[in-house]
Amino acid sequence: MRITRALVCCLVGCLMSASIFGAVNQQEVYSLDSDVYDAIEALYIHQGLSLPSTTGPYSQAELSLMVDRRLGPQLGL
């Protein structure tokens, strides 16, 4: 009986901890008419850089990379 109870507790603990790893992701896709596109475009123009690819829509991860790689050094990020 104790082994079964311990096994069930371990299984429940593993299932609950597995959800922690999937909690942070950047899979949200922004539509083309989102304010995020306008803001990034304005930042690129203000910094004098060529605009990023216009083959959107982009995911949150792609938008983060655009800001980090191209604008990060100019903005001090």
PDB file of N, CA and C in Angstrom:
ATOM      1  N   MET A   1       0.820  -1.196   0.000  1.00  0.00           N
ATOM      2  CA  MET A   1       0.000   0.000   0.000  1.00  0.00           C
ATOM      3  C   MET A   1       0.866   1.263   0.000  1.00  0.00           C
ATOM      4  N   ARG A   2       1.936   1.241   0.803  1.00  0.00           N
ATOM      5  CA  ARG A   2       2.809   2.408   0.873  1.00  0.00           C
ATOM      6  C   ARG A   2       3.526   2.638  -0.448  1.00  0.00           C
ATOM      7  N   ILE A   3       3.901   1.564  -1.122  1.00  0.00           N
ATOM      8  CA  ILE A   3       4.594   1.689  -2.404  1.00  0.00           C
ATOM      9  C   ILE A   3       3.665   2.310  -3.439  1.00  0.00           C
ATOM     10  N   THR A   4       2.411   1.899  -3.451  1.00  0.00           N
ATOM     11  CA  THR A   4       1.446   2.455  -4.400  1.00  0.00           C
ATOM     12  C   THR A   4       1.230   3.937  -4.137  1.00  0.00           C
ATOM     13  N   ARG A   5       1.104   4.294  -2.869  1.00  0.00           N
ATOM     14  CA  ARG A   5       0.888   5.698  -2.515  1.00  0.00           C
ATOM     15  C   ARG A   5       2.116   6.539  -2.903  1.00  0.00           C
ATOM     16  N   ALA A   6       3.294   6.032  -2.656  1.00  0.00           N
ATOM     17  CA  ALA A   6       4.521   6.747  -3.015  1.00  0.00           C
ATOM     18  C   ALA A   6       4.646   6.874  -4.531  1.00  0.00           C
ATOM     19  N   LEU A   7       4.273   5.814  -5.241  1.00  0.00           N
ATOM     20  CA  LEU A   7       4.329   5.846  -6.700  1.00  0.00           C
ATOM     21  C   LEU A   7       3.354   6.868  -7.268  1.00  0.00           C
ATOM     22  N   VAL A   8       2.157   6.928  -6.707  1.00  0.00           N
ATOM     23  CA  VAL A   8       1.159   7.900  -7.156  1.00  0.00           C
ATOM     24  C   VAL A   8       1.637   9.316  -6.859  1.00  0.00           C
ATOM     25  N   CYS A   9       2.208   9.533  -5.691  1.00  0.00           N
ATOM     26  CA  CYS A   9       2.723  10.865  -5.346  1.00  0.00           C
ATOM     27  C   CYS A   9       3.848  11.289  -6.290  1.00  0.00           C
ATOM     28  N   CYS A  10       4.742  10.370  -6.610  1.00  0.00           N
ATOM     29  CA  CYS A  10       5.824  10.682  -7.550  1.00  0.00           C
ATOM     30  C   CYS A  10       5.281  10.989  -8.935  1.00  0.00           C
ATOM     31  N   LEU A  11       4.301  10.226  -9.375  1.00  0.00           N
ATOM     32  CA  LEU A  11       3.704  10.445 -10.687  1.00  0.00           C
ATOM     33  C   LEU A  11       3.012  11.798 -10.759  1.00  0.00           C
ATOM     34  N   VAL A  12       2.251  12.135  -9.726  1.00  0.00           N
ATOM     35  CA  VAL A  12       1.578  13.438  -9.686  1.00  0.00           C
ATOM     36  C   VAL A  12       2.609  14.564  -9.658  1.00  0.00           C
ATOM     37  N   GLY A  13       3.670  14.409  -8.885  1.00  0.00           N
ATOM     38  CA  GLY A  13       4.723  15.421  -8.836  1.00  0.00           C
ATOM     39  C   GLY A  13       5.400  15.612 -10.176  1.00  0.00           C
ATOM     40  N   CYS A  14       5.665  14.521 -10.882  1.00  0.00           N
ATOM     41  CA  CYS A  14       6.282  14.617 -12.213  1.00  0.00           C
ATOM     42  C   CYS A  14       5.360  15.311 -13.202  1.00  0.00           C
ATOM     43  N   LEU A  15       4.086  14.989 -13.155  1.00  0.00           N
ATOM     44  CA  LEU A  15       3.135  15.619 -14.071  1.00  0.00           C
ATOM     45  C   LEU A  15       2.995  17.109 -13.790  1.00  0.00           C
ATOM     46  N   MET A  16       3.010  17.483 -12.530  1.00  0.00           N
ATOM     47  CA  MET A  16       2.891  18.899 -12.187  1.00  0.00           C
ATOM     48  C   MET A  16       4.155  19.667 -12.558  1.00  0.00           C
ATOM     49  N   SER A  17       5.312  19.058 -12.393  1.00  0.00           N
ATOM     50  CA  SER A  17       6.555  19.758 -12.723  1.00  0.00           C
ATOM     51  C   SER A  17       6.780  19.834 -14.232  1.00  0.00           C
ATOM     52  N   ALA A  18       6.184  18.955 -14.998  1.00  0.00           N
ATOM     53  CA  ALA A  18       6.340  18.991 -16.453  1.00  0.00           C
ATOM     54  C   ALA A  18       5.703  20.240 -17.046  1.00  0.00           C
ATOM     55  N   SER A  19       4.665  20.764 -16.421  1.00  0.00           N
ATOM     56  CA  SER A  19       4.011  21.961 -16.945  1.00  0.00           C
ATOM     57  C   SER A  19       4.877  23.202 -16.770  1.00  0.00           C
ATOM     58  N   ILE A  20       5.831  23.161 -15.867  1.00  0.00           N
ATOM     59  CA  ILE A  20       6.718  24.304 -15.652  1.00  0.00           C
ATOM     60  C   ILE A  20       7.579  24.560 -16.888  1.00  0.00           C
ATOM     61  N   PHE A  21       8.039  23.502 -17.535  1.00  0.00           N
ATOM     62  CA  PHE A  21       8.931  23.659 -18.678  1.00  0.00           C
ATOM     63  C   PHE A  21       8.222  24.250 -19.887  1.00  0.00           C
ATOM     64  N   GLY A  22       6.945  24.059 -20.021  1.00  0.00           N
ATOM     65  CA  GLY A  22       6.204  24.601 -21.147  1.00  0.00           C
ATOM     66  C   GLY A  22       5.585  25.952 -20.876  1.00  0.00           C
ATOM     67  N   ALA A  23       5.843  26.530 -19.725  1.00  0.00           N
ATOM     68  CA  ALA A  23       5.187  27.770 -19.341  1.00  0.00           C
ATOM     69  C   ALA A  23       5.706  28.979 -20.123  1.00  0.00           C
ATOM     70  N   VAL A  24       6.980  28.995 -20.472  1.00  0.00           N
ATOM     71  CA  VAL A  24       7.556  30.151 -21.148  1.00  0.00           C
ATOM     72  C   VAL A  24       7.850  29.775 -22.593  1.00  0.00           C
ATOM     73  N   ASN A  25       7.083  30.347 -23.502  1.00  0.00           N
ATOM     74  CA  ASN A  25       7.379  30.159 -24.917  1.00  0.00           C
ATOM     75  C   ASN A  25       7.037  31.440 -25.657  1.00  0.00           C
ATOM     76  N   GLN A  26       7.567  31.563 -26.824  1.00  0.00           N
ATOM     77  CA  GLN A  26       7.355  32.772 -27.614  1.00  0.00           C
ATOM     78  C   GLN A  26       6.698  32.401 -28.935  1.00  0.00           C
ATOM     79  N   GLN A  27       5.621  31.660 -28.844  1.00  0.00           N
ATOM     80  CA  GLN A  27       4.951  31.172 -30.037  1.00  0.00           C
ATOM     81  C   GLN A  27       3.802  32.060 -30.488  1.00  0.00           C
ATOM     82  N   GLU A  28       3.504  33.118 -29.764  1.00  0.00           N
ATOM     83  CA  GLU A  28       2.405  33.995 -30.161  1.00  0.00           C
ATOM     84  C   GLU A  28       2.752  34.669 -31.485  1.00  0.00           C
ATOM     85  N   VAL A  29       1.807  34.659 -32.413  1.00  0.00           N
ATOM     86  CA  VAL A  29       2.018  35.278 -33.719  1.00  0.00           C
ATOM     87  C   VAL A  29       1.222  36.578 -33.750  1.00  0.00           C
ATOM     88  N   TYR A  30       1.896  37.661 -34.110  1.00  0.00           N
ATOM     89  CA  TYR A  30       1.258  38.973 -34.177  1.00  0.00           C
ATOM     90  C   TYR A  30       0.745  39.212 -35.589  1.00  0.00           C
ATOM     91  N   SER A  31      -0.445  39.765 -35.702  1.00  0.00           N
ATOM     92  CA  SER A  31      -1.013  40.052 -37.016  1.00  0.00           C
ATOM     93  C   SER A  31      -0.276  41.228 -37.651  1.00  0.00           C
ATOM     94  N   LEU A  32      -0.415  41.358 -38.957  1.00  0.00           N
ATOM     95  CA  LEU A  32       0.331  42.391 -39.686  1.00  0.00           C
ATOM     96  C   LEU A  32      -0.097  43.808 -39.327  1.00  0.00           C
ATOM     97  N   ASP A  33      -1.309  43.976 -38.822  1.00  0.00           N
ATOM     98  CA  ASP A  33      -1.764  45.316 -38.456  1.00  0.00           C
ATOM     99  C   ASP A  33      -1.519  45.621 -36.975  1.00  0.00           C
ATOM    100  N   SER A  34      -0.653  44.851 -36.340  1.00  0.00           N
ATOM    101  CA  SER A  34      -0.340  45.043 -34.925  1.00  0.00           C
ATOM    102  C   SER A  34       0.536  46.279 -34.735  1.00  0.00           C
ATOM    103  N   ASP A  35       0.391  46.909 -33.588  1.00  0.00           N
ATOM    104  CA  ASP A  35       1.211  48.076 -33.257  1.00  0.00           C
ATOM    105  C   ASP A  35       2.684  47.712 -33.090  1.00  0.00           C
ATOM    106  N   VAL A  36       2.954  46.443 -32.828  1.00  0.00           N
ATOM    107  CA  VAL A  36       4.335  45.994 -32.655  1.00  0.00           C
ATOM    108  C   VAL A  36       5.124  46.211 -33.939  1.00  0.00           C
ATOM    109  N   TYR A  37       4.514  45.899 -35.084  1.00  0.00           N
ATOM    110  CA  TYR A  37       5.194  46.107 -36.368  1.00  0.00           C
ATOM    111  C   TYR A  37       5.523  47.576 -36.579  1.00  0.00           C
ATOM    112  N   ASP A  38       4.562  48.441 -36.298  1.00  0.00           N
ATOM    113  CA  ASP A  38       4.792  49.874 -36.474  1.00  0.00           C
ATOM    114  C   ASP A  38       5.908  50.372 -35.560  1.00  0.00           C
ATOM    115  N   ALA A  39       5.947  49.875 -34.333  1.00  0.00           N
ATOM    116  CA  ALA A  39       6.970  50.312 -33.383  1.00  0.00           C
ATOM    117  C   ALA A  39       8.361  49.868 -33.825  1.00  0.00           C
ATOM    118  N   ILE A  40       8.486  48.620 -34.267  1.00  0.00           N
ATOM    119  CA  ILE A  40       9.796  48.133 -34.713  1.00  0.00           C
ATOM    120  C   ILE A  40      10.227  48.855 -35.979  1.00  0.00           C
ATOM    121  N   GLU A  41       9.299  49.101 -36.884  1.00  0.00           N
ATOM    122  CA  GLU A  41       9.620  49.837 -38.108  1.00  0.00           C
ATOM    123  C   GLU A  41      10.100  51.243 -37.775  1.00  0.00           C
ATOM    124  N   ALA A  42       9.438  51.903 -36.834  1.00  0.00           N
ATOM    125  CA  ALA A  42       9.848  53.248 -36.431  1.00  0.00           C
ATOM    126  C   ALA A  42      11.237  53.230 -35.795  1.00  0.00           C
ATOM    127  N   LEU A  43      11.528  52.206 -34.988  1.00  0.00           N
ATOM    128  CA  LEU A  43      12.857  52.099 -34.385  1.00  0.00           C
ATOM    129  C   LEU A  43      13.938  51.904 -35.438  1.00  0.00           C
ATOM    130  N   TYR A  44      13.658  51.060 -36.424  1.00  0.00           N
ATOM    131  CA  TYR A  44      14.641  50.825 -37.490  1.00  0.00           C
ATOM    132  C   TYR A  44      14.895  52.114 -38.267  1.00  0.00           C
ATOM    133  N   ILE A  45      13.850  52.823 -38.623  1.00  0.00           N
ATOM    134  CA  ILE A  45      14.002  54.069 -39.378  1.00  0.00           C
ATOM    135  C   ILE A  45      14.758  55.100 -38.545  1.00  0.00           C
ATOM    136  N   HIS A  46      14.419  55.207 -37.267  1.00  0.00           N
ATOM    137  CA  HIS A  46      15.076  56.170 -36.385  1.00  0.00           C
ATOM    138  C   HIS A  46      16.568  55.870 -36.240  1.00  0.00           C
ATOM    139  N   GLN A  47      16.942  54.599 -36.237  1.00  0.00           N
ATOM    140  CA  GLN A  47      18.343  54.210 -36.113  1.00  0.00           C
ATOM    141  C   GLN A  47      19.078  54.241 -37.449  1.00  0.00           C
ATOM    142  N   GLY A  48      18.359  54.487 -38.552  1.00  0.00           N
ATOM    143  CA  GLY A  48      18.983  54.538 -39.863  1.00  0.00           C
ATOM    144  C   GLY A  48      19.307  53.174 -40.433  1.00  0.00           C
ATOM    145  N   LEU A  49      18.604  52.153 -39.997  1.00  0.00           N
ATOM    146  CA  LEU A  49      18.837  50.789 -40.473  1.00  0.00           C
ATOM    147  C   LEU A  49      17.817  50.432 -41.544  1.00  0.00           C
ATOM    148  N   SER A  50      18.183  49.470 -42.371  1.00  0.00           N
ATOM    149  CA  SER A  50      17.210  48.992 -43.351  1.00  0.00           C
ATOM    150  C   SER A  50      16.127  48.220 -42.621  1.00  0.00           C
ATOM    151  N   LEU A  51      14.926  48.302 -43.149  1.00  0.00           N
ATOM    152  CA  LEU A  51      13.792  47.660 -42.492  1.00  0.00           C
ATOM    153  C   LEU A  51      13.936  46.146 -42.521  1.00  0.00           C
ATOM    154  N   PRO A  52      13.420  45.478 -41.497  1.00  0.00           N
ATOM    155  CA  PRO A  52      13.480  44.014 -41.490  1.00  0.00           C
ATOM    156  C   PRO A  52      12.622  43.445 -42.606  1.00  0.00           C
ATOM    157  N   SER A  53      12.747  42.191 -42.810  1.00  0.00           N
ATOM    158  CA  SER A  53      11.992  41.500 -43.851  1.00  0.00           C
ATOM    159  C   SER A  53      10.500  41.777 -43.708  1.00  0.00           C
ATOM    160  N   THR A  54       9.840  41.918 -44.824  1.00  0.00           N
ATOM    161  CA  THR A  54       8.398  42.198 -44.812  1.00  0.00           C
ATOM    162  C   THR A  54       7.593  40.944 -45.093  1.00  0.00           C
ATOM    163  N   THR A  55       8.128  39.799 -44.758  1.00  0.00           N
ATOM    164  CA  THR A  55       7.435  38.542 -45.023  1.00  0.00           C
ATOM    165  C   THR A  55       6.678  38.052 -43.801  1.00  0.00           C
ATOM    166  N   GLY A  56       6.076  38.968 -43.051  1.00  0.00           N
ATOM    167  CA  GLY A  56       5.352  38.611 -41.830  1.00  0.00           C
ATOM    168  C   GLY A  56       4.143  37.762 -42.129  1.00  0.00           C
ATOM    169  N   PRO A  57       3.408  37.367 -41.160  1.00  0.00           N
ATOM    170  CA  PRO A  57       3.491  37.762 -39.754  1.00  0.00           C
ATOM    171  C   PRO A  57       4.635  37.069 -39.034  1.00  0.00           C
ATOM    172  N   TYR A  58       5.074  37.697 -37.962  1.00  0.00           N
ATOM    173  CA  TYR A  58       6.194  37.190 -37.183  1.00  0.00           C
ATOM    174  C   TYR A  58       5.705  36.648 -35.846  1.00  0.00           C
ATOM    175  N   SER A  59       6.462  35.705 -35.313  1.00  0.00           N
ATOM    176  CA  SER A  59       6.178  35.228 -33.960  1.00  0.00           C
ATOM    177  C   SER A  59       6.870  36.163 -32.972  1.00  0.00           C
ATOM    178  N   GLN A  60       6.533  36.015 -31.710  1.00  0.00           N
ATOM    179  CA  GLN A  60       7.153  36.833 -30.677  1.00  0.00           C
ATOM    180  C   GLN A  60       8.655  36.587 -30.632  1.00  0.00           C
ATOM    181  N   ALA A  61       9.077  35.363 -30.875  1.00  0.00           N
ATOM    182  CA  ALA A  61      10.509  35.041 -30.868  1.00  0.00           C
ATOM    183  C   ALA A  61      11.235  35.772 -31.991  1.00  0.00           C
ATOM    184  N   GLU A  62      10.641  35.807 -33.187  1.00  0.00           N
ATOM    185  CA  GLU A  62      11.272  36.500 -34.314  1.00  0.00           C
ATOM    186  C   GLU A  62      11.364  37.998 -34.059  1.00  0.00           C
ATOM    187  N   LEU A  63      10.320  38.578 -33.488  1.00  0.00           N
ATOM    188  CA  LEU A  63      10.348  40.007 -33.185  1.00  0.00           C
ATOM    189  C   LEU A  63      11.393  40.319 -32.122  1.00  0.00           C
ATOM    190  N   SER A  64      11.524  39.445 -31.144  1.00  0.00           N
ATOM    191  CA  SER A  64      12.549  39.645 -30.113  1.00  0.00           C
ATOM    192  C   SER A  64      13.944  39.599 -30.713  1.00  0.00           C
ATOM    193  N   LEU A  65      14.169  38.676 -31.641  1.00  0.00           N
ATOM    194  CA  LEU A  65      15.479  38.596 -32.297  1.00  0.00           C
ATOM    195  C   LEU A  65      15.766  39.841 -33.123  1.00  0.00           C
ATOM    196  N   MET A  66      14.746  40.367 -33.798  1.00  0.00           N
ATOM    197  CA  MET A  66      14.944  41.591 -34.586  1.00  0.00           C
ATOM    198  C   MET A  66      15.409  42.734 -33.698  1.00  0.00           C
ATOM    199  N   VAL A  67      14.786  42.864 -32.555  1.00  0.00           N
ATOM    200  CA  VAL A  67      15.148  43.951 -31.648  1.00  0.00           C
ATOM    201  C   VAL A  67      16.513  43.693 -31.017  1.00  0.00           C
ATOM    202  N   ASP A  68      16.763  42.472 -30.569  1.00  0.00           N
ATOM    203  CA  ASP A  68      18.021  42.167 -29.883  1.00  0.00           C
ATOM    204  C   ASP A  68      19.229  42.246 -30.803  1.00  0.00           C
ATOM    205  N   ARG A  69      19.139  41.665 -31.974  1.00  0.00           N
ATOM    206  CA  ARG A  69      20.303  41.589 -32.866  1.00  0.00           C
ATOM    207  C   ARG A  69      20.597  42.899 -33.573  1.00  0.00           C
ATOM    208  N   ARG A  70      19.572  43.547 -34.073  1.00  0.00           N
ATOM    209  CA  ARG A  70      19.795  44.728 -34.904  1.00  0.00           C
ATOM    210  C   ARG A  70      19.733  46.018 -34.104  1.00  0.00           C
ATOM    211  N   LEU A  71      18.817  46.100 -33.170  1.00  0.00           N
ATOM    212  CA  LEU A  71      18.635  47.352 -32.456  1.00  0.00           C
ATOM    213  C   LEU A  71      19.270  47.352 -31.076  1.00  0.00           C
ATOM    214  N   GLY A  72      19.555  46.182 -30.542  1.00  0.00           N
ATOM    215  CA  GLY A  72      20.112  46.088 -29.196  1.00  0.00           C
ATOM    216  C   GLY A  72      21.368  46.908 -28.985  1.00  0.00           C
ATOM    217  N   PRO A  73      22.382  46.769 -29.858  1.00  0.00           N
ATOM    218  CA  PRO A  73      23.608  47.555 -29.659  1.00  0.00           C
ATOM    219  C   PRO A  73      23.375  49.069 -29.740  1.00  0.00           C
ATOM    220  N   GLN A  74      22.500  49.510 -30.633  1.00  0.00           N
ATOM    221  CA  GLN A  74      22.246  50.939 -30.770  1.00  0.00           C
ATOM    222  C   GLN A  74      21.443  51.492 -29.594  1.00  0.00           C
ATOM    223  N   LEU A  75      20.573  50.649 -29.038  1.00  0.00           N
ATOM    224  CA  LEU A  75      19.727  51.104 -27.940  1.00  0.00           C
ATOM    225  C   LEU A  75      20.347  50.822 -26.578  1.00  0.00           C
ATOM    226  N   GLY A  76      21.484  50.154 -26.553  1.00  0.00           N
ATOM    227  CA  GLY A  76      22.149  49.842 -25.297  1.00  0.00           C
ATOM    228  C   GLY A  76      21.514  48.682 -24.556  1.00  0.00           C
ATOM    229  N   LEU A  77      20.901  47.745 -25.293  1.00  0.00           N
ATOM    230  CA  LEU A  77      20.263  46.588 -24.645  1.00  0.00           C
ATOM    231  C   LEU A  77      21.240  45.455 -24.493  1.00  0.00           C
TER     232      LEU A  77
END
